[in-house]
Amino acid sequence: MSLSIRDVSLCAVVAMTACWAQPSRALDPRYPDWPCQQLKVPGIAVASVWNGPSIEGIDTKPADPKEADLVTRLAARRTPIDDARKLIADYLVGTDTEKQDKAKKLFAELYSTLNAQRDEVMNGIERFSRKQKAAADDIRAEAQKLRDMQDKASADQAQTEDLVSRLAWQTRIFEDRRKSTSYVCDVPVQIEKRLFDLGSAIQNVSSADPAKK
């Protein structure tokens, strides 16, 4: 016996919700809300992005508005790295000691800024993950409600079709958000890479031989 279009729609929605709304398992049980393939590593290890002298104990508050503006521009990923290198070269001037002091302080400020940025992004990713889990729970509940309605011979067709439409919309939103997960998960990696590139640029400029410029 052939199925009606409505029955096919019901079956399709139930199949979609069963597939899309499965509870995900965290790669690291310590962080159950972390949805990314990349393992969650709280905080950037200084040694992984900086080979220069220790920045421990250095005041990370910019000395003046000009310095604060420089840190903001360098930290912004929209600033091309070549432009960032030029800004760093223009800033790290003076005697060798002055350059070294400026270099350490500049990196310390960038480390503080970008590490905090990364923490904020990672917290946002986990909030996003919790919302997706809640959405998946809602979809499963609605899907079960739909199955129960299908089992009733006297099911109200209008209510059933309304639920089908609602489920289709919910699953579409859920899937669109799921597809964006890989993008948002890459942001902490990009921030860490940005800090590494800036640290390398600072070290290159501060250690360069003025006679070779």
N, C-alpha and C. Protein backbone atom coordinates (compact mmCIF):
# COMPACT_ATOMS: atom_id res chain seq x y z
N MET A 1 0.86 -1.18 0.00
CA MET A 1 0.00 0.00 0.00
C MET A 1 0.89 1.24 0.00
N SER A 2 0.63 2.15 -0.92
CA SER A 2 1.46 3.35 -1.04
C SER A 2 1.17 4.32 0.09
N LEU A 3 2.19 5.08 0.46
CA LEU A 3 2.04 6.09 1.50
C LEU A 3 1.60 7.40 0.87
N SER A 4 0.82 8.16 1.61
CA SER A 4 0.41 9.48 1.16
C SER A 4 1.59 10.43 1.30
N ILE A 5 1.52 11.59 0.65
CA ILE A 5 2.58 12.59 0.76
C ILE A 5 2.76 13.00 2.20
N ARG A 6 1.63 13.15 2.93
CA ARG A 6 1.70 13.54 4.33
C ARG A 6 2.45 12.50 5.15
N ASP A 7 2.17 11.20 4.88
CA ASP A 7 2.84 10.14 5.63
C ASP A 7 4.34 10.12 5.33
N VAL A 8 4.67 10.36 4.05
CA VAL A 8 6.08 10.40 3.68
C VAL A 8 6.78 11.54 4.40
N SER A 9 6.09 12.69 4.49
CA SER A 9 6.67 13.85 5.18
C SER A 9 6.91 13.54 6.65
N LEU A 10 5.92 12.85 7.27
CA LEU A 10 6.06 12.49 8.67
C LEU A 10 7.26 11.58 8.87
N CYS A 11 7.39 10.59 8.01
CA CYS A 11 8.50 9.64 8.14
C CYS A 11 9.85 10.34 7.95
N ALA A 12 9.89 11.26 7.00
CA ALA A 12 11.14 11.98 6.72
C ALA A 12 11.56 12.81 7.91
N VAL A 13 10.60 13.51 8.51
CA VAL A 13 10.92 14.37 9.64
C VAL A 13 11.39 13.53 10.82
N VAL A 14 10.69 12.43 11.09
CA VAL A 14 11.09 11.57 12.19
C VAL A 14 12.50 11.04 11.96
N ALA A 15 12.80 10.64 10.73
CA ALA A 15 14.14 10.13 10.41
C ALA A 15 15.19 11.21 10.61
N MET A 16 14.88 12.42 10.15
CA MET A 16 15.84 13.52 10.29
C MET A 16 16.12 13.84 11.75
N THR A 17 15.06 13.91 12.54
CA THR A 17 15.25 14.27 13.94
C THR A 17 16.01 13.18 14.68
N ALA A 18 15.74 11.93 14.33
CA ALA A 18 16.46 10.83 14.97
C ALA A 18 17.95 10.89 14.66
N CYS A 19 18.27 11.31 13.43
CA CYS A 19 19.67 11.38 13.02
C CYS A 19 20.36 12.61 13.58
N TRP A 20 19.73 13.78 13.43
CA TRP A 20 20.37 15.04 13.78
C TRP A 20 20.41 15.32 15.27
N ALA A 21 19.46 14.80 16.00
CA ALA A 21 19.35 15.18 17.41
C ALA A 21 19.94 14.15 18.36
N GLN A 22 20.82 13.30 17.85
CA GLN A 22 21.48 12.34 18.73
C GLN A 22 22.40 13.09 19.70
N PRO A 23 22.41 12.72 20.97
CA PRO A 23 23.30 13.39 21.91
C PRO A 23 24.76 13.14 21.55
N SER A 24 25.57 14.18 21.56
CA SER A 24 26.98 14.04 21.21
C SER A 24 27.81 13.72 22.45
N ARG A 25 28.91 13.03 22.22
CA ARG A 25 29.81 12.69 23.31
C ARG A 25 31.02 13.60 23.25
N ALA A 26 31.37 14.17 24.36
CA ALA A 26 32.53 15.06 24.41
C ALA A 26 33.80 14.22 24.28
N LEU A 27 34.78 14.77 23.55
CA LEU A 27 36.04 14.06 23.40
C LEU A 27 36.78 13.97 24.73
N ASP A 28 36.61 14.98 25.57
CA ASP A 28 37.25 15.01 26.88
C ASP A 28 36.15 15.12 27.94
N PRO A 29 35.95 14.08 28.75
CA PRO A 29 34.86 14.10 29.74
C PRO A 29 34.97 15.24 30.76
N ARG A 30 36.15 15.85 30.86
CA ARG A 30 36.29 16.98 31.79
C ARG A 30 35.53 18.20 31.28
N TYR A 31 35.28 18.24 29.98
CA TYR A 31 34.61 19.40 29.38
C TYR A 31 33.42 18.90 28.54
N PRO A 32 32.34 18.50 29.21
CA PRO A 32 31.20 17.88 28.51
C PRO A 32 30.50 18.80 27.52
N ASP A 33 30.69 20.12 27.66
CA ASP A 33 30.02 21.05 26.75
C ASP A 33 30.93 21.50 25.61
N TRP A 34 32.12 20.92 25.51
CA TRP A 34 33.04 21.31 24.45
C TRP A 34 32.78 20.46 23.21
N PRO A 35 32.29 21.07 22.10
CA PRO A 35 31.84 20.30 20.94
C PRO A 35 32.89 20.11 19.85
N CYS A 36 34.07 20.71 20.01
CA CYS A 36 35.06 20.76 18.93
C CYS A 36 35.91 19.49 18.85
N GLN A 37 36.40 19.22 17.63
CA GLN A 37 37.33 18.12 17.45
C GLN A 37 38.67 18.43 18.11
N GLN A 38 39.04 19.73 18.09
CA GLN A 38 40.26 20.14 18.79
C GLN A 38 40.03 20.00 20.29
N LEU A 39 41.00 19.41 20.98
CA LEU A 39 40.87 19.27 22.43
C LEU A 39 40.87 20.65 23.08
N LYS A 40 40.11 20.80 24.14
CA LYS A 40 40.06 22.06 24.84
C LYS A 40 41.30 22.20 25.73
N VAL A 41 42.04 23.27 25.50
CA VAL A 41 43.22 23.57 26.32
C VAL A 41 43.02 24.96 26.90
N PRO A 42 42.63 25.05 28.17
CA PRO A 42 42.40 26.36 28.78
C PRO A 42 43.71 27.15 28.89
N GLY A 43 43.72 28.34 28.36
CA GLY A 43 44.89 29.19 28.45
C GLY A 43 45.97 28.83 27.45
N ILE A 44 46.58 29.86 26.85
CA ILE A 44 47.68 29.64 25.90
C ILE A 44 48.99 29.55 26.69
N ALA A 45 49.73 28.49 26.46
CA ALA A 45 51.04 28.34 27.11
C ALA A 45 52.01 29.34 26.49
N VAL A 46 52.62 30.18 27.30
CA VAL A 46 53.53 31.21 26.79
C VAL A 46 54.64 30.58 25.95
N ALA A 47 55.16 29.44 26.41
CA ALA A 47 56.28 28.79 25.72
C ALA A 47 55.93 28.36 24.30
N SER A 48 54.63 28.18 24.03
CA SER A 48 54.22 27.73 22.70
C SER A 48 54.15 28.88 21.69
N VAL A 49 54.19 30.13 22.17
CA VAL A 49 54.05 31.27 21.27
C VAL A 49 55.17 32.30 21.43
N TRP A 50 56.10 32.05 22.33
CA TRP A 50 57.13 33.07 22.63
C TRP A 50 58.43 32.41 23.04
N ASN A 51 59.50 32.73 22.32
CA ASN A 51 60.83 32.19 22.64
C ASN A 51 61.74 33.24 23.25
N GLY A 52 61.19 34.41 23.52
CA GLY A 52 61.99 35.49 24.06
C GLY A 52 62.13 35.42 25.57
N PRO A 53 62.64 36.48 26.17
CA PRO A 53 62.82 36.52 27.63
C PRO A 53 61.50 36.44 28.36
N SER A 54 61.54 36.04 29.61
CA SER A 54 60.34 35.85 30.41
C SER A 54 59.53 37.15 30.51
N ILE A 55 58.22 37.00 30.44
CA ILE A 55 57.34 38.16 30.59
C ILE A 55 56.64 38.13 31.95
N GLU A 56 57.07 37.22 32.80
CA GLU A 56 56.46 37.09 34.12
C GLU A 56 56.64 38.38 34.93
N GLY A 57 55.57 38.85 35.52
CA GLY A 57 55.63 40.04 36.36
C GLY A 57 55.56 41.35 35.61
N ILE A 58 55.51 41.31 34.28
CA ILE A 58 55.46 42.54 33.49
C ILE A 58 54.04 43.11 33.52
N ASP A 59 53.93 44.41 33.72
CA ASP A 59 52.63 45.09 33.73
C ASP A 59 52.03 45.02 32.33
N THR A 60 50.85 44.44 32.22
CA THR A 60 50.23 44.26 30.90
C THR A 60 49.26 45.40 30.55
N LYS A 61 49.24 46.43 31.38
CA LYS A 61 48.39 47.58 31.07
C LYS A 61 49.18 48.55 30.21
N PRO A 62 48.65 48.93 29.02
CA PRO A 62 49.37 49.88 28.16
C PRO A 62 49.70 51.17 28.90
N ALA A 63 50.88 51.71 28.61
CA ALA A 63 51.37 52.90 29.31
C ALA A 63 50.59 54.15 28.94
N ASP A 64 50.06 54.20 27.71
CA ASP A 64 49.35 55.39 27.25
C ASP A 64 48.36 54.99 26.15
N PRO A 65 47.48 55.93 25.74
CA PRO A 65 46.49 55.61 24.70
C PRO A 65 47.12 55.16 23.38
N LYS A 66 48.28 55.72 23.02
CA LYS A 66 48.94 55.33 21.78
C LYS A 66 49.35 53.87 21.81
N GLU A 67 49.90 53.46 22.95
CA GLU A 67 50.30 52.06 23.11
C GLU A 67 49.08 51.15 23.13
N ALA A 68 48.02 51.59 23.78
CA ALA A 68 46.79 50.80 23.82
C ALA A 68 46.21 50.62 22.41
N ASP A 69 46.28 51.69 21.60
CA ASP A 69 45.79 51.61 20.22
C ASP A 69 46.63 50.63 19.41
N LEU A 70 47.94 50.64 19.63
CA LEU A 70 48.82 49.72 18.91
C LEU A 70 48.47 48.27 19.25
N VAL A 71 48.27 47.97 20.52
CA VAL A 71 47.92 46.60 20.94
C VAL A 71 46.60 46.18 20.31
N THR A 72 45.63 47.09 20.30
CA THR A 72 44.32 46.78 19.70
C THR A 72 44.45 46.47 18.22
N ARG A 73 45.24 47.27 17.52
CA ARG A 73 45.41 47.07 16.07
C ARG A 73 46.16 45.77 15.78
N LEU A 74 47.17 45.49 16.56
CA LEU A 74 47.94 44.26 16.34
C LEU A 74 47.12 43.02 16.68
N ALA A 75 46.32 43.09 17.71
CA ALA A 75 45.52 41.93 18.13
C ALA A 75 44.40 41.63 17.15
N ALA A 76 43.92 42.65 16.44
CA ALA A 76 42.79 42.46 15.53
C ALA A 76 43.19 41.59 14.34
N ARG A 77 42.48 40.50 14.12
CA ARG A 77 42.81 39.60 13.02
C ARG A 77 42.55 40.23 11.66
N ARG A 78 41.78 41.31 11.64
CA ARG A 78 41.55 42.00 10.37
C ARG A 78 42.78 42.80 9.92
N THR A 79 43.74 43.03 10.83
CA THR A 79 44.98 43.69 10.46
C THR A 79 45.91 42.67 9.82
N PRO A 80 46.24 42.81 8.54
CA PRO A 80 47.13 41.84 7.88
C PRO A 80 48.45 41.73 8.62
N ILE A 81 49.02 40.54 8.64
CA ILE A 81 50.23 40.31 9.42
C ILE A 81 51.39 41.14 8.88
N ASP A 82 51.43 41.43 7.58
CA ASP A 82 52.49 42.28 7.04
C ASP A 82 52.38 43.70 7.59
N ASP A 83 51.14 44.19 7.71
CA ASP A 83 50.93 45.51 8.30
C ASP A 83 51.32 45.50 9.78
N ALA A 84 51.03 44.39 10.44
CA ALA A 84 51.38 44.26 11.86
C ALA A 84 52.89 44.30 12.03
N ARG A 85 53.62 43.65 11.15
CA ARG A 85 55.09 43.66 11.25
C ARG A 85 55.64 45.08 11.10
N LYS A 86 55.04 45.85 10.21
CA LYS A 86 55.49 47.23 10.02
C LYS A 86 55.20 48.07 11.26
N LEU A 87 54.01 47.87 11.84
CA LEU A 87 53.66 48.60 13.06
C LEU A 87 54.64 48.26 14.19
N ILE A 88 55.00 47.00 14.27
CA ILE A 88 55.95 46.56 15.31
C ILE A 88 57.32 47.19 15.07
N ALA A 89 57.77 47.18 13.81
CA ALA A 89 59.08 47.75 13.49
C ALA A 89 59.13 49.25 13.79
N ASP A 90 58.01 49.92 13.51
CA ASP A 90 57.96 51.37 13.78
C ASP A 90 57.96 51.66 15.28
N TYR A 91 57.46 50.71 16.06
CA TYR A 91 57.35 50.92 17.50
C TYR A 91 58.63 50.54 18.25
N LEU A 92 59.29 49.48 17.83
CA LEU A 92 60.48 49.00 18.53
C LEU A 92 61.72 49.76 18.06
N VAL A 93 61.86 50.96 18.54
CA VAL A 93 63.01 51.79 18.19
C VAL A 93 63.73 52.22 19.47
N GLY A 94 64.94 52.73 19.30
CA GLY A 94 65.72 53.17 20.45
C GLY A 94 66.97 52.33 20.61
N THR A 95 67.57 52.43 21.79
CA THR A 95 68.76 51.62 22.07
C THR A 95 68.36 50.15 22.16
N ASP A 96 69.35 49.29 22.16
CA ASP A 96 69.06 47.85 22.23
C ASP A 96 68.29 47.52 23.50
N THR A 97 68.67 48.12 24.61
CA THR A 97 67.96 47.87 25.87
C THR A 97 66.53 48.37 25.80
N GLU A 98 66.34 49.55 25.24
CA GLU A 98 64.99 50.09 25.10
C GLU A 98 64.12 49.20 24.21
N LYS A 99 64.73 48.74 23.13
CA LYS A 99 63.98 47.85 22.21
C LYS A 99 63.57 46.56 22.92
N GLN A 100 64.50 45.98 23.68
CA GLN A 100 64.20 44.73 24.37
C GLN A 100 63.10 44.93 25.41
N ASP A 101 63.17 46.04 26.13
CA ASP A 101 62.14 46.32 27.14
C ASP A 101 60.78 46.53 26.48
N LYS A 102 60.77 47.29 25.39
CA LYS A 102 59.52 47.52 24.65
C LYS A 102 58.97 46.21 24.10
N ALA A 103 59.87 45.36 23.59
CA ALA A 103 59.44 44.09 22.99
C ALA A 103 58.77 43.20 24.03
N LYS A 104 59.39 43.07 25.20
CA LYS A 104 58.81 42.23 26.25
C LYS A 104 57.45 42.76 26.70
N LYS A 105 57.38 44.06 26.89
CA LYS A 105 56.12 44.64 27.36
C LYS A 105 55.03 44.52 26.29
N LEU A 106 55.40 44.77 25.04
CA LEU A 106 54.41 44.68 23.95
C LEU A 106 53.87 43.26 23.85
N PHE A 107 54.76 42.27 23.91
CA PHE A 107 54.27 40.89 23.82
C PHE A 107 53.41 40.54 25.03
N ALA A 108 53.82 40.98 26.21
CA ALA A 108 53.04 40.69 27.41
C ALA A 108 51.63 41.26 27.28
N GLU A 109 51.52 42.45 26.72
CA GLU A 109 50.21 43.08 26.54
C GLU A 109 49.38 42.30 25.51
N LEU A 110 50.03 41.88 24.43
CA LEU A 110 49.33 41.10 23.41
C LEU A 110 48.91 39.74 23.95
N TYR A 111 49.79 39.12 24.75
CA TYR A 111 49.45 37.82 25.34
C TYR A 111 48.22 37.96 26.24
N SER A 112 48.21 38.98 27.07
CA SER A 112 47.08 39.19 27.98
C SER A 112 45.79 39.43 27.19
N THR A 113 45.89 40.25 26.14
CA THR A 113 44.71 40.60 25.34
C THR A 113 44.16 39.40 24.58
N LEU A 114 45.04 38.71 23.86
CA LEU A 114 44.59 37.60 23.00
C LEU A 114 44.22 36.36 23.81
N ASN A 115 44.88 36.14 24.92
CA ASN A 115 44.51 35.00 25.77
C ASN A 115 43.11 35.21 26.34
N ALA A 116 42.82 36.46 26.75
CA ALA A 116 41.48 36.78 27.26
C ALA A 116 40.44 36.65 26.14
N GLN A 117 40.82 37.08 24.94
CA GLN A 117 39.92 36.96 23.78
C GLN A 117 39.59 35.49 23.52
N ARG A 118 40.62 34.67 23.56
CA ARG A 118 40.45 33.24 23.31
C ARG A 118 39.55 32.61 24.37
N ASP A 119 39.74 32.98 25.64
CA ASP A 119 38.89 32.48 26.72
C ASP A 119 37.43 32.85 26.46
N GLU A 120 37.22 34.09 26.05
CA GLU A 120 35.86 34.57 25.79
C GLU A 120 35.21 33.79 24.66
N VAL A 121 35.98 33.54 23.60
CA VAL A 121 35.46 32.77 22.46
C VAL A 121 35.14 31.34 22.88
N MET A 122 36.01 30.72 23.67
CA MET A 122 35.79 29.34 24.10
C MET A 122 34.57 29.24 25.01
N ASN A 123 34.38 30.23 25.87
CA ASN A 123 33.17 30.24 26.70
C ASN A 123 31.92 30.37 25.83
N GLY A 124 32.03 31.18 24.78
CA GLY A 124 30.91 31.33 23.86
C GLY A 124 30.60 30.04 23.12
N ILE A 125 31.63 29.30 22.75
CA ILE A 125 31.44 28.02 22.07
C ILE A 125 30.70 27.04 22.97
N GLU A 126 31.05 27.03 24.25
CA GLU A 126 30.38 26.12 25.18
C GLU A 126 28.92 26.55 25.42
N ARG A 127 28.67 27.86 25.44
CA ARG A 127 27.27 28.31 25.54
C ARG A 127 26.49 27.88 24.31
N PHE A 128 27.11 27.99 23.15
CA PHE A 128 26.51 27.55 21.90
C PHE A 128 26.19 26.06 21.95
N SER A 129 27.14 25.28 22.48
CA SER A 129 26.96 23.84 22.58
C SER A 129 25.79 23.49 23.50
N ARG A 130 25.68 24.20 24.62
CA ARG A 130 24.57 23.93 25.55
C ARG A 130 23.22 24.25 24.90
N LYS A 131 23.18 25.31 24.11
CA LYS A 131 21.93 25.65 23.41
C LYS A 131 21.58 24.59 22.38
N GLN A 132 22.59 24.05 21.70
CA GLN A 132 22.35 22.98 20.73
C GLN A 132 21.83 21.72 21.42
N LYS A 133 22.38 21.42 22.59
CA LYS A 133 21.89 20.25 23.33
C LYS A 133 20.43 20.44 23.75
N ALA A 134 20.10 21.66 24.19
CA ALA A 134 18.71 21.95 24.58
C ALA A 134 17.79 21.85 23.37
N ALA A 135 18.27 22.35 22.21
CA ALA A 135 17.48 22.27 20.99
C ALA A 135 17.27 20.82 20.58
N ALA A 136 18.32 20.00 20.72
CA ALA A 136 18.20 18.58 20.39
C ALA A 136 17.18 17.89 21.29
N ASP A 137 17.18 18.24 22.57
CA ASP A 137 16.20 17.68 23.50
C ASP A 137 14.77 18.06 23.08
N ASP A 138 14.59 19.32 22.68
CA ASP A 138 13.28 19.78 22.23
C ASP A 138 12.84 19.03 20.98
N ILE A 139 13.78 18.82 20.06
CA ILE A 139 13.45 18.12 18.82
C ILE A 139 13.07 16.67 19.11
N ARG A 140 13.81 16.03 20.00
CA ARG A 140 13.47 14.64 20.34
C ARG A 140 12.09 14.55 20.98
N ALA A 141 11.78 15.52 21.84
CA ALA A 141 10.47 15.52 22.49
C ALA A 141 9.35 15.73 21.47
N GLU A 142 9.58 16.65 20.55
CA GLU A 142 8.57 16.91 19.51
C GLU A 142 8.43 15.71 18.57
N ALA A 143 9.57 15.06 18.28
CA ALA A 143 9.52 13.89 17.41
C ALA A 143 8.73 12.76 18.06
N GLN A 144 8.92 12.59 19.37
CA GLN A 144 8.16 11.56 20.08
C GLN A 144 6.67 11.89 20.08
N LYS A 145 6.38 13.17 20.26
CA LYS A 145 4.98 13.62 20.21
C LYS A 145 4.38 13.31 18.85
N LEU A 146 5.17 13.51 17.80
CA LEU A 146 4.70 13.23 16.45
C LEU A 146 4.44 11.74 16.26
N ARG A 147 5.33 10.91 16.77
CA ARG A 147 5.14 9.46 16.66
C ARG A 147 3.86 9.04 17.39
N ASP A 148 3.65 9.61 18.57
CA ASP A 148 2.45 9.28 19.34
C ASP A 148 1.18 9.68 18.57
N MET A 149 1.25 10.83 17.91
CA MET A 149 0.09 11.28 17.14
C MET A 149 -0.15 10.36 15.95
N GLN A 150 0.93 9.89 15.33
CA GLN A 150 0.80 9.00 14.18
C GLN A 150 0.13 7.68 14.57
N ASP A 151 0.37 7.25 15.82
CA ASP A 151 -0.16 5.97 16.28
C ASP A 151 -1.67 6.01 16.54
N LYS A 152 -2.20 7.22 16.63
CA LYS A 152 -3.63 7.36 16.89
C LYS A 152 -4.42 7.37 15.59
N ALA A 153 -5.40 6.51 15.53
CA ALA A 153 -6.21 6.45 14.32
C ALA A 153 -7.02 7.73 14.11
N SER A 154 -7.35 8.39 15.21
CA SER A 154 -8.18 9.60 15.13
C SER A 154 -7.36 10.88 15.25
N ALA A 155 -6.09 10.81 14.85
CA ALA A 155 -5.22 11.98 14.97
C ALA A 155 -5.76 13.15 14.15
N ASP A 156 -5.67 14.33 14.72
CA ASP A 156 -6.12 15.54 14.04
C ASP A 156 -5.10 15.88 12.95
N GLN A 157 -5.55 15.89 11.70
CA GLN A 157 -4.62 16.10 10.58
C GLN A 157 -3.98 17.49 10.63
N ALA A 158 -4.76 18.50 10.97
CA ALA A 158 -4.23 19.87 11.01
C ALA A 158 -3.15 20.00 12.07
N GLN A 159 -3.40 19.42 13.26
CA GLN A 159 -2.39 19.47 14.32
C GLN A 159 -1.13 18.71 13.93
N THR A 160 -1.36 17.56 13.28
CA THR A 160 -0.21 16.75 12.86
C THR A 160 0.64 17.49 11.85
N GLU A 161 0.01 18.10 10.88
CA GLU A 161 0.76 18.82 9.85
C GLU A 161 1.44 20.06 10.43
N ASP A 162 0.81 20.69 11.42
CA ASP A 162 1.44 21.83 12.07
C ASP A 162 2.70 21.39 12.81
N LEU A 163 2.63 20.23 13.45
CA LEU A 163 3.79 19.71 14.16
C LEU A 163 4.90 19.32 13.18
N VAL A 164 4.51 18.75 12.04
CA VAL A 164 5.49 18.41 11.01
C VAL A 164 6.24 19.66 10.55
N SER A 165 5.49 20.72 10.31
CA SER A 165 6.10 21.98 9.87
C SER A 165 7.04 22.55 10.92
N ARG A 166 6.59 22.50 12.18
CA ARG A 166 7.40 23.02 13.27
C ARG A 166 8.69 22.22 13.42
N LEU A 167 8.57 20.91 13.33
CA LEU A 167 9.76 20.06 13.44
C LEU A 167 10.73 20.29 12.29
N ALA A 168 10.18 20.45 11.10
CA ALA A 168 11.04 20.70 9.94
C ALA A 168 11.83 21.99 10.12
N TRP A 169 11.17 23.02 10.65
CA TRP A 169 11.83 24.30 10.88
C TRP A 169 12.90 24.18 11.97
N GLN A 170 12.55 23.48 13.06
CA GLN A 170 13.50 23.31 14.16
C GLN A 170 14.75 22.55 13.71
N THR A 171 14.53 21.48 12.94
CA THR A 171 15.66 20.68 12.49
C THR A 171 16.52 21.45 11.49
N ARG A 172 15.88 22.28 10.69
CA ARG A 172 16.65 23.09 9.74
C ARG A 172 17.57 24.07 10.49
N ILE A 173 17.03 24.74 11.49
CA ILE A 173 17.84 25.67 12.30
C ILE A 173 18.96 24.91 13.00
N PHE A 174 18.60 23.75 13.57
CA PHE A 174 19.59 22.94 14.28
C PHE A 174 20.73 22.54 13.36
N GLU A 175 20.40 22.11 12.15
CA GLU A 175 21.42 21.67 11.20
C GLU A 175 22.27 22.83 10.71
N ASP A 176 21.65 23.98 10.46
CA ASP A 176 22.42 25.16 10.03
C ASP A 176 23.44 25.54 11.10
N ARG A 177 23.01 25.50 12.35
CA ARG A 177 23.93 25.83 13.45
C ARG A 177 25.01 24.78 13.60
N ARG A 178 24.63 23.51 13.39
CA ARG A 178 25.63 22.44 13.50
C ARG A 178 26.73 22.61 12.46
N LYS A 179 26.34 23.04 11.26
CA LYS A 179 27.32 23.24 10.19
C LYS A 179 28.31 24.35 10.51
N SER A 180 27.88 25.30 11.34
CA SER A 180 28.77 26.42 11.69
C SER A 180 29.76 26.06 12.79
N THR A 181 29.60 24.87 13.39
CA THR A 181 30.45 24.49 14.52
C THR A 181 31.91 24.44 14.13
N SER A 182 32.22 23.89 12.95
CA SER A 182 33.62 23.77 12.54
C SER A 182 34.27 25.14 12.40
N TYR A 183 33.47 26.14 11.97
CA TYR A 183 34.02 27.49 11.83
C TYR A 183 34.32 28.09 13.20
N VAL A 184 33.34 28.05 14.10
CA VAL A 184 33.55 28.67 15.41
C VAL A 184 34.64 27.95 16.19
N CYS A 185 34.76 26.64 15.97
CA CYS A 185 35.79 25.88 16.69
C CYS A 185 37.20 26.26 16.22
N ASP A 186 37.30 26.81 15.03
CA ASP A 186 38.62 27.17 14.50
C ASP A 186 39.10 28.52 15.02
N VAL A 187 38.20 29.32 15.58
CA VAL A 187 38.57 30.67 16.02
C VAL A 187 39.64 30.66 17.11
N PRO A 188 39.53 29.82 18.18
CA PRO A 188 40.60 29.80 19.18
C PRO A 188 41.96 29.44 18.58
N VAL A 189 41.97 28.56 17.57
CA VAL A 189 43.21 28.19 16.90
C VAL A 189 43.79 29.39 16.16
N GLN A 190 42.91 30.14 15.49
CA GLN A 190 43.35 31.33 14.77
C GLN A 190 43.94 32.38 15.71
N ILE A 191 43.32 32.53 16.87
CA ILE A 191 43.82 33.51 17.84
C ILE A 191 45.21 33.11 18.34
N GLU A 192 45.38 31.83 18.64
CA GLU A 192 46.69 31.36 19.12
C GLU A 192 47.75 31.52 18.03
N LYS A 193 47.38 31.23 16.80
CA LYS A 193 48.33 31.40 15.68
C LYS A 193 48.68 32.87 15.51
N ARG A 194 47.68 33.73 15.69
CA ARG A 194 47.93 35.18 15.59
C ARG A 194 48.96 35.61 16.62
N LEU A 195 48.80 35.14 17.83
CA LEU A 195 49.74 35.49 18.90
C LEU A 195 51.13 34.96 18.60
N PHE A 196 51.22 33.75 18.06
CA PHE A 196 52.52 33.17 17.69
C PHE A 196 53.20 34.02 16.62
N ASP A 197 52.43 34.41 15.58
CA ASP A 197 52.98 35.22 14.49
C ASP A 197 53.44 36.59 15.00
N LEU A 198 52.67 37.19 15.88
CA LEU A 198 53.05 38.49 16.44
C LEU A 198 54.29 38.36 17.31
N GLY A 199 54.34 37.29 18.09
CA GLY A 199 55.51 37.06 18.94
C GLY A 199 56.77 36.88 18.10
N SER A 200 56.66 36.14 17.00
CA SER A 200 57.80 35.94 16.11
C SER A 200 58.24 37.25 15.49
N ALA A 201 57.27 38.08 15.09
CA ALA A 201 57.59 39.37 14.48
C ALA A 201 58.30 40.28 15.49
N ILE A 202 57.81 40.28 16.72
CA ILE A 202 58.44 41.11 17.76
C ILE A 202 59.87 40.66 18.00
N GLN A 203 60.09 39.36 18.10
CA GLN A 203 61.45 38.85 18.34
C GLN A 203 62.37 39.15 17.17
N ASN A 204 61.86 39.03 15.95
CA ASN A 204 62.68 39.30 14.77
C ASN A 204 63.12 40.76 14.71
N VAL A 205 62.18 41.65 15.00
CA VAL A 205 62.51 43.08 14.96
C VAL A 205 63.45 43.47 16.10
N SER A 206 63.18 42.96 17.29
CA SER A 206 63.99 43.36 18.45
C SER A 206 65.39 42.81 18.41
N SER A 207 65.60 41.70 17.67
CA SER A 207 66.93 41.10 17.59
C SER A 207 67.66 41.42 16.30
N ALA A 208 67.01 42.20 15.43
CA ALA A 208 67.63 42.51 14.14
C ALA A 208 68.83 43.43 14.32
N ASP A 209 69.82 43.22 13.47
CA ASP A 209 71.02 44.07 13.48
C ASP A 209 70.70 45.36 12.74
N PRO A 210 70.76 46.51 13.42
CA PRO A 210 70.42 47.78 12.77
C PRO A 210 71.22 48.03 11.51
N ALA A 211 72.44 47.53 11.44
CA ALA A 211 73.28 47.78 10.28
C ALA A 211 72.76 47.07 9.04
N LYS A 212 71.93 46.02 9.25
CA LYS A 212 71.41 45.24 8.13
C LYS A 212 70.06 45.73 7.66
N LYS A 213 69.49 46.72 8.34
CA LYS A 213 68.18 47.22 7.96
C LYS A 213 68.30 48.05 6.68
